[in-house]
PDB file of N, CA and C in Angstrom:
ATOM      1  N   MET A   1      11.124  -7.409   9.890  1.00  0.00           N
ATOM      2  CA  MET A   1      11.751  -6.351   9.247  1.00  0.00           C
ATOM      3  C   MET A   1      12.287  -5.121   9.890  1.00  0.00           C
ATOM      4  N   ASN A   2      14.117  -4.993   9.765  1.00  0.00           N
ATOM      5  CA  ASN A   2      14.728  -4.283  11.078  1.00  0.00           C
ATOM      6  C   ASN A   2      14.285  -2.553  10.301  1.00  0.00           C
ATOM      7  N   LEU A   3      14.498  -2.158  11.408  1.00  0.00           N
ATOM      8  CA  LEU A   3      14.667  -0.534  10.989  1.00  0.00           C
ATOM      9  C   LEU A   3      15.165  -0.111   9.602  1.00  0.00           C
ATOM     10  N   ILE A   4      16.101  -0.326   9.706  1.00  0.00           N
ATOM     11  CA  ILE A   4      16.965   0.300   7.439  1.00  0.00           C
ATOM     12  C   ILE A   4      16.192  -0.543   6.955  1.00  0.00           C
ATOM     13  N   GLU A   5      15.908  -2.026   6.562  1.00  0.00           N
ATOM     14  CA  GLU A   5      15.045  -1.814   5.709  1.00  0.00           C
ATOM     15  C   GLU A   5      13.710  -1.682   6.175  1.00  0.00           C
ATOM     16  N   ARG A   6      13.129  -1.153   6.685  1.00  0.00           N
ATOM     17  CA  ARG A   6      11.751  -0.322   6.265  1.00  0.00           C
ATOM     18  C   ARG A   6      12.006   0.644   6.087  1.00  0.00           C
ATOM     19  N   ALA A   7      13.099   2.307   6.285  1.00  0.00           N
ATOM     20  CA  ALA A   7      12.994   2.547   6.266  1.00  0.00           C
ATOM     21  C   ALA A   7      13.714   2.678   4.463  1.00  0.00           C
ATOM     22  N   ARG A   8      14.364   1.397   4.122  1.00  0.00           N
ATOM     23  CA  ARG A   8      14.644   1.762   2.277  1.00  0.00           C
ATOM     24  C   ARG A   8      13.155   1.321   1.619  1.00  0.00           C
ATOM     25  N   GLU A   9      12.705   0.123   2.420  1.00  0.00           N
ATOM     26  CA  GLU A   9      10.943   0.146   1.505  1.00  0.00           C
ATOM     27  C   GLU A   9       9.974   1.745   1.639  1.00  0.00           C
ATOM     28  N   PHE A  10      10.153   1.846   2.588  1.00  0.00           N
ATOM     29  CA  PHE A  10       9.817   3.622   2.779  1.00  0.00           C
ATOM     30  C   PHE A  10       9.659   4.235   1.570  1.00  0.00           C
ATOM     31  N   LEU A  11      11.481   4.039   1.806  1.00  0.00           N
ATOM     32  CA  LEU A  11      12.077   5.031   0.281  1.00  0.00           C
ATOM     33  C   LEU A  11      11.691   5.568  -1.422  1.00  0.00           C
ATOM     34  N   HIS A  12      11.453   3.547  -0.802  1.00  0.00           N
ATOM     35  CA  HIS A  12      11.037   2.747  -1.985  1.00  0.00           C
ATOM     36  C   HIS A  12      10.016   3.036  -2.795  1.00  0.00           C
ATOM     37  N   GLN A  13       9.068   3.083  -2.188  1.00  0.00           N
ATOM     38  CA  GLN A  13       7.574   3.272  -1.985  1.00  0.00           C
ATOM     39  C   GLN A  13       7.268   4.960  -2.293  1.00  0.00           C
ATOM     40  N   ARG A  14       7.978   5.750  -1.488  1.00  0.00           N
ATOM     41  CA  ARG A  14       7.962   7.328  -2.216  1.00  0.00           C
ATOM     42  C   ARG A  14       7.871   7.375  -3.784  1.00  0.00           C
ATOM     43  N   ARG A  15      10.081   6.762  -3.769  1.00  0.00           N
ATOM     44  CA  ARG A  15      10.309   7.378  -4.968  1.00  0.00           C
ATOM     45  C   ARG A  15       9.419   6.931  -6.342  1.00  0.00           C
ATOM     46  N   ASN A  16       8.872   5.372  -5.964  1.00  0.00           N
ATOM     47  CA  ASN A  16       7.892   5.199  -7.539  1.00  0.00           C
ATOM     48  C   ASN A  16       6.273   5.439  -6.753  1.00  0.00           C
ATOM     49  N   ALA A  17       6.153   6.676  -6.287  1.00  0.00           N
ATOM     50  CA  ALA A  17       4.815   7.259  -6.058  1.00  0.00           C
ATOM     51  C   ALA A  17       5.042   8.526  -6.748  1.00  0.00           C
ATOM     52  N   TYR A  18       5.779   9.339  -6.859  1.00  0.00           N
ATOM     53  CA  TYR A  18       7.050  10.547  -7.362  1.00  0.00           C
ATOM     54  C   TYR A  18       6.701  10.395  -8.869  1.00  0.00           C
ATOM     55  N   LYS A  19       7.817   8.539  -9.556  1.00  0.00           N
ATOM     56  CA  LYS A  19       7.566   8.495 -10.535  1.00  0.00           C
ATOM     57  C   LYS A  19       6.326   7.945 -11.697  1.00  0.00           C
ATOM     58  N   ARG A  20       5.524   7.292 -10.491  1.00  0.00           N
ATOM     59  CA  ARG A  20       3.851   7.347 -11.195  1.00  0.00           C
ATOM     60  C   ARG A  20       3.256   8.351 -11.463  1.00  0.00           C
ATOM     61  N   LEU A  21       3.188   8.886 -10.635  1.00  0.00           N
ATOM     62  CA  LEU A  21       2.667  10.659 -10.770  1.00  0.00           C
ATOM     63  C   LEU A  21       3.276  11.856 -11.295  1.00  0.00           C
ATOM     64  N   PHE A  22       4.404  11.579 -12.186  1.00  0.00           N
ATOM     65  CA  PHE A  22       5.527  12.584 -12.984  1.00  0.00           C
ATOM     66  C   PHE A  22       5.762  11.791 -13.832  1.00  0.00           C
ATOM     67  N   HIS A  23       5.341  10.734 -14.260  1.00  0.00           N
ATOM     68  CA  HIS A  23       5.029  10.514 -15.911  1.00  0.00           C
ATOM     69  C   HIS A  23       5.682  10.645 -16.809  1.00  0.00           C
ATOM     70  N   TYR A  24       6.616  11.189 -17.486  1.00  0.00           N
ATOM     71  CA  TYR A  24       7.919  11.498 -18.388  1.00  0.00           C
ATOM     72  C   TYR A  24       6.316  11.645 -20.186  1.00  0.00           C
ATOM     73  N   GLU A  25       5.739  10.405 -19.945  1.00  0.00           N
ATOM     74  CA  GLU A  25       4.678  10.455 -21.253  1.00  0.00           C
ATOM     75  C   GLU A  25       3.710  11.045 -20.570  1.00  0.00           C
ATOM     76  N   ASN A  26       3.441  11.229 -19.785  1.00  0.00           N
ATOM     77  CA  ASN A  26       2.182  12.242 -18.747  1.00  0.00           C
ATOM     78  C   ASN A  26       1.815  12.907 -19.298  1.00  0.00           C
ATOM     79  N   ARG A  27       1.363  13.569 -20.406  1.00  0.00           N
ATOM     80  CA  ARG A  27       0.689  15.130 -20.826  1.00  0.00           C
ATOM     81  C   ARG A  27       1.250  16.353 -19.868  1.00  0.00           C
ATOM     82  N   ASP A  28      -0.186  16.089 -18.777  1.00  0.00           N
ATOM     83  CA  ASP A  28      -0.410  16.699 -17.875  1.00  0.00           C
ATOM     84  C   ASP A  28       1.184  17.003 -17.197  1.00  0.00           C
ATOM     85  N   ALA A  29       1.893  15.558 -16.560  1.00  0.00           N
ATOM     86  CA  ALA A  29       2.577  15.701 -15.746  1.00  0.00           C
ATOM     87  C   ALA A  29       3.507  17.154 -16.299  1.00  0.00           C
ATOM     88  N   GLN A  30       3.619  16.554 -17.098  1.00  0.00           N
ATOM     89  CA  GLN A  30       5.273  17.497 -17.141  1.00  0.00           C
ATOM     90  C   GLN A  30       4.626  18.913 -18.205  1.00  0.00           C
ATOM     91  N   VAL A  31       3.425  19.094 -18.394  1.00  0.00           N
ATOM     92  CA  VAL A  31       2.679  20.443 -18.083  1.00  0.00           C
ATOM     93  C   VAL A  31       2.881  21.346 -16.125  1.00  0.00           C
ATOM     94  N   VAL A  32       2.592  20.185 -15.452  1.00  0.00           N
ATOM     95  CA  VAL A  32       2.632  20.875 -13.841  1.00  0.00           C
ATOM     96  C   VAL A  32       5.212  21.086 -13.923  1.00  0.00           C
ATOM     97  N   LEU A  33       4.911  20.069 -14.131  1.00  0.00           N
ATOM     98  CA  LEU A  33       6.539  20.080 -13.955  1.00  0.00           C
ATOM     99  C   LEU A  33       7.505  21.217 -14.275  1.00  0.00           C
ATOM    100  N   GLU A  34       6.409  21.382 -16.064  1.00  0.00           N
ATOM    101  CA  GLU A  34       7.106  22.882 -16.313  1.00  0.00           C
ATOM    102  C   GLU A  34       6.623  24.222 -15.844  1.00  0.00           C
ATOM    103  N   ASP A  35       5.479  24.100 -15.457  1.00  0.00           N
ATOM    104  CA  ASP A  35       4.944  25.167 -14.243  1.00  0.00           C
ATOM    105  C   ASP A  35       5.887  25.120 -12.754  1.00  0.00           C
ATOM    106  N   LEU A  36       5.960  24.094 -11.833  1.00  0.00           N
ATOM    107  CA  LEU A  36       6.782  24.624 -11.175  1.00  0.00           C
ATOM    108  C   LEU A  36       7.923  24.767 -11.425  1.00  0.00           C
ATOM    109  N   ALA A  37       8.383  24.043 -12.281  1.00  0.00           N
ATOM    110  CA  ALA A  37       9.964  24.395 -12.671  1.00  0.00           C
ATOM    111  C   ALA A  37       9.837  26.277 -12.786  1.00  0.00           C
ATOM    112  N   LYS A  38       8.607  26.793 -12.997  1.00  0.00           N
ATOM    113  CA  LYS A  38       9.513  28.073 -13.061  1.00  0.00           C
ATOM    114  C   LYS A  38       8.824  28.707 -12.022  1.00  0.00           C
ATOM    115  N   PHE A  39       7.819  28.565 -11.419  1.00  0.00           N
ATOM    116  CA  PHE A  39       7.940  28.948  -9.783  1.00  0.00           C
ATOM    117  C   PHE A  39       8.749  28.249  -8.986  1.00  0.00           C
ATOM    118  N   CYS A  40       9.697  27.631  -9.181  1.00  0.00           N
ATOM    119  CA  CYS A  40      10.894  26.804  -8.125  1.00  0.00           C
ATOM    120  C   CYS A  40      11.868  27.490  -8.166  1.00  0.00           C
ATOM    121  N   ARG A  41      11.540  28.716  -9.916  1.00  0.00           N
ATOM    122  CA  ARG A  41      13.042  29.375 -10.148  1.00  0.00           C
ATOM    123  C   ARG A  41      13.863  27.773 -10.150  1.00  0.00           C
ATOM    124  N   ALA A  42      13.662  26.687 -10.696  1.00  0.00           N
ATOM    125  CA  ALA A  42      14.236  25.506 -11.049  1.00  0.00           C
ATOM    126  C   ALA A  42      16.081  25.610 -12.137  1.00  0.00           C
ATOM    127  N   HIS A  43      15.702  26.699 -13.081  1.00  0.00           N
ATOM    128  CA  HIS A  43      17.232  27.220 -13.582  1.00  0.00           C
ATOM    129  C   HIS A  43      17.302  29.180 -13.231  1.00  0.00           C
ATOM    130  N   GLU A  44      17.205  28.817 -12.291  1.00  0.00           N
ATOM    131  CA  GLU A  44      17.971  30.655 -12.010  1.00  0.00           C
ATOM    132  C   GLU A  44      18.293  30.263 -10.793  1.00  0.00           C
ATOM    133  N   SER A  45      18.788  31.687 -10.190  1.00  0.00           N
ATOM    134  CA  SER A  45      19.255  31.797  -9.004  1.00  0.00           C
ATOM    135  C   SER A  45      17.907  31.947  -8.536  1.00  0.00           C
ATOM    136  N   THR A  46      18.144  32.308  -6.463  1.00  0.00           N
ATOM    137  CA  THR A  46      17.128  32.563  -6.179  1.00  0.00           C
ATOM    138  C   THR A  46      17.041  33.587  -5.128  1.00  0.00           C
ATOM    139  N   PHE A  47      18.278  34.434  -5.280  1.00  0.00           N
ATOM    140  CA  PHE A  47      18.960  35.604  -4.953  1.00  0.00           C
ATOM    141  C   PHE A  47      18.292  36.550  -4.900  1.00  0.00           C
ATOM    142  N   ASN A  48      18.162  37.389  -3.591  1.00  0.00           N
ATOM    143  CA  ASN A  48      16.420  38.887  -3.376  1.00  0.00           C
ATOM    144  C   ASN A  48      17.326  39.692  -2.337  1.00  0.00           C
ATOM    145  N   PRO A  49      17.801  40.410  -2.608  1.00  0.00           N
ATOM    146  CA  PRO A  49      18.420  41.288  -1.350  1.00  0.00           C
ATOM    147  C   PRO A  49      17.383  41.407  -0.177  1.00  0.00           C
ATOM    148  N   ASP A  50      16.234  40.978  -0.163  1.00  0.00           N
ATOM    149  CA  ASP A  50      15.394  41.272   0.710  1.00  0.00           C
ATOM    150  C   ASP A  50      15.584  39.824   1.068  1.00  0.00           C
ATOM    151  N   GLU A  51      16.141  39.476   2.486  1.00  0.00           N
ATOM    152  CA  GLU A  51      15.931  38.310   2.971  1.00  0.00           C
ATOM    153  C   GLU A  51      14.968  37.689   3.303  1.00  0.00           C
ATOM    154  N   ARG A  52      13.585  37.940   3.508  1.00  0.00           N
ATOM    155  CA  ARG A  52      12.525  37.398   3.481  1.00  0.00           C
ATOM    156  C   ARG A  52      12.238  36.630   2.502  1.00  0.00           C
ATOM    157  N   THR A  53      12.346  37.439   1.397  1.00  0.00           N
ATOM    158  CA  THR A  53      11.518  36.579   0.284  1.00  0.00           C
ATOM    159  C   THR A  53      12.812  35.942  -0.817  1.00  0.00           C
ATOM    160  N   HIS A  54      13.532  36.144   0.007  1.00  0.00           N
ATOM    161  CA  HIS A  54      15.094  35.466  -0.152  1.00  0.00           C
ATOM    162  C   HIS A  54      14.693  33.961   0.503  1.00  0.00           C
ATOM    163  N   ALA A  55      14.108  34.224   1.147  1.00  0.00           N
ATOM    164  CA  ALA A  55      13.894  32.498   2.379  1.00  0.00           C
ATOM    165  C   ALA A  55      12.993  31.716   1.367  1.00  0.00           C
ATOM    166  N   LEU A  56      11.911  32.802   0.780  1.00  0.00           N
ATOM    167  CA  LEU A  56      10.443  32.095   0.334  1.00  0.00           C
ATOM    168  C   LEU A  56      11.019  31.053  -0.780  1.00  0.00           C
ATOM    169  N   LEU A  57      11.784  31.890  -1.732  1.00  0.00           N
ATOM    170  CA  LEU A  57      12.986  31.490  -2.927  1.00  0.00           C
ATOM    171  C   LEU A  57      13.090  30.214  -2.891  1.00  0.00           C
ATOM    172  N   GLU A  58      13.775  30.326  -1.907  1.00  0.00           N
ATOM    173  CA  GLU A  58      14.841  29.086  -1.257  1.00  0.00           C
ATOM    174  C   GLU A  58      14.122  27.393  -0.537  1.00  0.00           C
ATOM    175  N   GLY A  59      13.038  28.501  -0.382  1.00  0.00           N
ATOM    176  CA  GLY A  59      11.893  27.060   0.170  1.00  0.00           C
ATOM    177  C   GLY A  59      11.309  26.233  -1.337  1.00  0.00           C
ATOM    178  N   ARG A  60      10.608  27.267  -2.027  1.00  0.00           N
ATOM    179  CA  ARG A  60      10.508  26.645  -3.520  1.00  0.00           C
ATOM    180  C   ARG A  60      11.778  25.808  -4.326  1.00  0.00           C
ATOM    181  N   LYS A  61      12.511  26.406  -3.685  1.00  0.00           N
ATOM    182  CA  LYS A  61      13.671  25.519  -4.937  1.00  0.00           C
ATOM    183  C   LYS A  61      14.085  24.570  -4.160  1.00  0.00           C
ATOM    184  N   GLU A  62      14.027  24.291  -3.364  1.00  0.00           N
ATOM    185  CA  GLU A  62      14.167  23.005  -2.251  1.00  0.00           C
ATOM    186  C   GLU A  62      12.736  22.200  -2.768  1.00  0.00           C
ATOM    187  N   VAL A  63      11.680  22.696  -2.965  1.00  0.00           N
ATOM    188  CA  VAL A  63      10.497  21.264  -3.711  1.00  0.00           C
ATOM    189  C   VAL A  63      10.856  20.989  -5.148  1.00  0.00           C
ATOM    190  N   TRP A  64      11.578  21.725  -5.738  1.00  0.00           N
ATOM    191  CA  TRP A  64      11.295  21.445  -6.639  1.00  0.00           C
ATOM    192  C   TRP A  64      12.588  20.627  -7.296  1.00  0.00           C
ATOM    193  N   LEU A  65      13.607  20.671  -6.026  1.00  0.00           N
ATOM    194  CA  LEU A  65      15.340  19.868  -5.699  1.00  0.00           C
ATOM    195  C   LEU A  65      14.889  18.609  -5.358  1.00  0.00           C
ATOM    196  N   ARG A  66      13.436  18.243  -3.970  1.00  0.00           N
ATOM    197  CA  ARG A  66      13.390  17.146  -4.014  1.00  0.00           C
ATOM    198  C   ARG A  66      12.457  16.026  -4.894  1.00  0.00           C
ATOM    199  N   LEU A  67      11.406  16.670  -6.065  1.00  0.00           N
ATOM    200  CA  LEU A  67      10.755  16.265  -6.789  1.00  0.00           C
ATOM    201  C   LEU A  67      11.927  15.422  -7.733  1.00  0.00           C
ATOM    202  N   GLN A  68      12.615  16.636  -7.957  1.00  0.00           N
ATOM    203  CA  GLN A  68      14.193  16.288  -8.925  1.00  0.00           C
ATOM    204  C   GLN A  68      14.414  15.227  -8.396  1.00  0.00           C
ATOM    205  N   GLN A  69      15.221  14.625  -7.263  1.00  0.00           N
ATOM    206  CA  GLN A  69      15.558  13.729  -6.861  1.00  0.00           C
ATOM    207  C   GLN A  69      14.829  12.925  -6.570  1.00  0.00           C
ATOM    208  N   HIS A  70      13.429  12.246  -6.484  1.00  0.00           N
ATOM    209  CA  HIS A  70      12.763  11.114  -6.579  1.00  0.00           C
ATOM    210  C   HIS A  70      12.727  11.442  -7.791  1.00  0.00           C
ATOM    211  N   LEU A  71      13.013  11.761  -9.048  1.00  0.00           N
ATOM    212  CA  LEU A  71      12.844  11.476 -10.622  1.00  0.00           C
ATOM    213  C   LEU A  71      13.658  10.903 -10.347  1.00  0.00           C
ATOM    214  N   ASN A  72      14.511  11.080 -10.955  1.00  0.00           N
ATOM    215  CA  ASN A  72      16.499  11.013 -11.424  1.00  0.00           C
ATOM    216  C   ASN A  72      17.182  10.330 -10.604  1.00  0.00           C
ATOM    217  N   MET A  73      16.857  10.610  -9.403  1.00  0.00           N
ATOM    218  CA  MET A  73      17.926   9.535  -9.108  1.00  0.00           C
ATOM    219  C   MET A  73      17.635   8.290  -8.530  1.00  0.00           C
ATOM    220  N   THR A  74      19.364   6.836  -8.441  1.00  0.00           N
ATOM    221  CA  THR A  74      18.435   6.008  -8.311  1.00  0.00           C
ATOM    222  C   THR A  74      18.086   5.700  -7.005  1.00  0.00           C
ATOM    223  N   GLU A  75      17.611   4.646  -7.048  1.00  0.00           N
ATOM    224  CA  GLU A  75      17.101   4.397  -5.197  1.00  0.00           C
ATOM    225  C   GLU A  75      18.307   4.512  -4.124  1.00  0.00           C
ATOM    226  N   GLU A  76      20.203   4.086  -4.510  1.00  0.00           N
ATOM    227  CA  GLU A  76      20.767   3.736  -4.084  1.00  0.00           C
ATOM    228  C   GLU A  76      21.455   5.496  -3.301  1.00  0.00           C
ATOM    229  N   GLU A  77      21.305   5.941  -4.944  1.00  0.00           N
ATOM    230  CA  GLU A  77      22.083   7.630  -4.450  1.00  0.00           C
ATOM    231  C   GLU A  77      20.754   8.470  -3.420  1.00  0.00           C
ATOM    232  N   LEU A  78      19.214   8.029  -3.953  1.00  0.00           N
ATOM    233  CA  LEU A  78      18.269   8.377  -2.614  1.00  0.00           C
ATOM    234  C   LEU A  78      18.967   7.897  -1.389  1.00  0.00           C
ATOM    235  N   TRP A  79      18.373   6.552  -1.241  1.00  0.00           N
ATOM    236  CA  TRP A  79      19.755   6.691   0.588  1.00  0.00           C
ATOM    237  C   TRP A  79      20.551   6.803   0.590  1.00  0.00           C
ATOM    238  N   LEU A  80      21.958   6.640  -0.101  1.00  0.00           N
ATOM    239  CA  LEU A  80      22.484   7.689   0.157  1.00  0.00           C
ATOM    240  C   LEU A  80      22.584   8.822   0.920  1.00  0.00           C
ATOM    241  N   LEU A  81      21.408   9.772   0.482  1.00  0.00           N
ATOM    242  CA  LEU A  81      21.623  11.382   0.352  1.00  0.00           C
ATOM    243  C   LEU A  81      20.828  10.904   1.660  1.00  0.00           C
ATOM    244  N   TYR A  82      19.634  10.052   1.418  1.00  0.00           N
ATOM    245  CA  TYR A  82      18.553  10.584   3.001  1.00  0.00           C
ATOM    246  C   TYR A  82      19.370  10.355   3.887  1.00  0.00           C
ATOM    247  N   SER A  83      19.824   8.551   4.089  1.00  0.00           N
ATOM    248  CA  SER A  83      19.788   8.483   5.324  1.00  0.00           C
ATOM    249  C   SER A  83      21.763   9.050   5.723  1.00  0.00           C
ATOM    250  N   ARG A  84      21.903   9.693   5.377  1.00  0.00           N
ATOM    251  CA  ARG A  84      23.096  10.846   6.019  1.00  0.00           C
ATOM    252  C   ARG A  84      22.561  11.785   6.444  1.00  0.00           C
ATOM    253  N   LYS A  85      21.592  12.911   6.444  1.00  0.00           N
ATOM    254  CA  LYS A  85      20.481  13.555   7.063  1.00  0.00           C
ATOM    255  C   LYS A  85      19.986  13.489   8.728  1.00  0.00           C
ATOM    256  N   GLY A  86      19.972  12.554   8.720  1.00  0.00           N
ATOM    257  CA  GLY A  86      20.154  11.596   9.901  1.00  0.00           C
ATOM    258  C   GLY A  86      18.962  12.662  10.752  1.00  0.00           C
TER     259      GLY A  86
END
């Protein structure tokens, strides 16, 4: 298996792990996702005039976006996203 195939397989396994852990029919998973959405400011601005606070809030939002990428993007979309980051 070459390096690209191994990377794609790793991404496939990781995406599946996210989907198993946060399965939409699992009520506990939904409670956790709802809590994380609030904590990470998923649906609101992270702007804060204090630069340190703003950086903290941006970091939280980045975690939320990663969760959403793995839960909602196709494997091909994820591959394109992560393979471009190099």
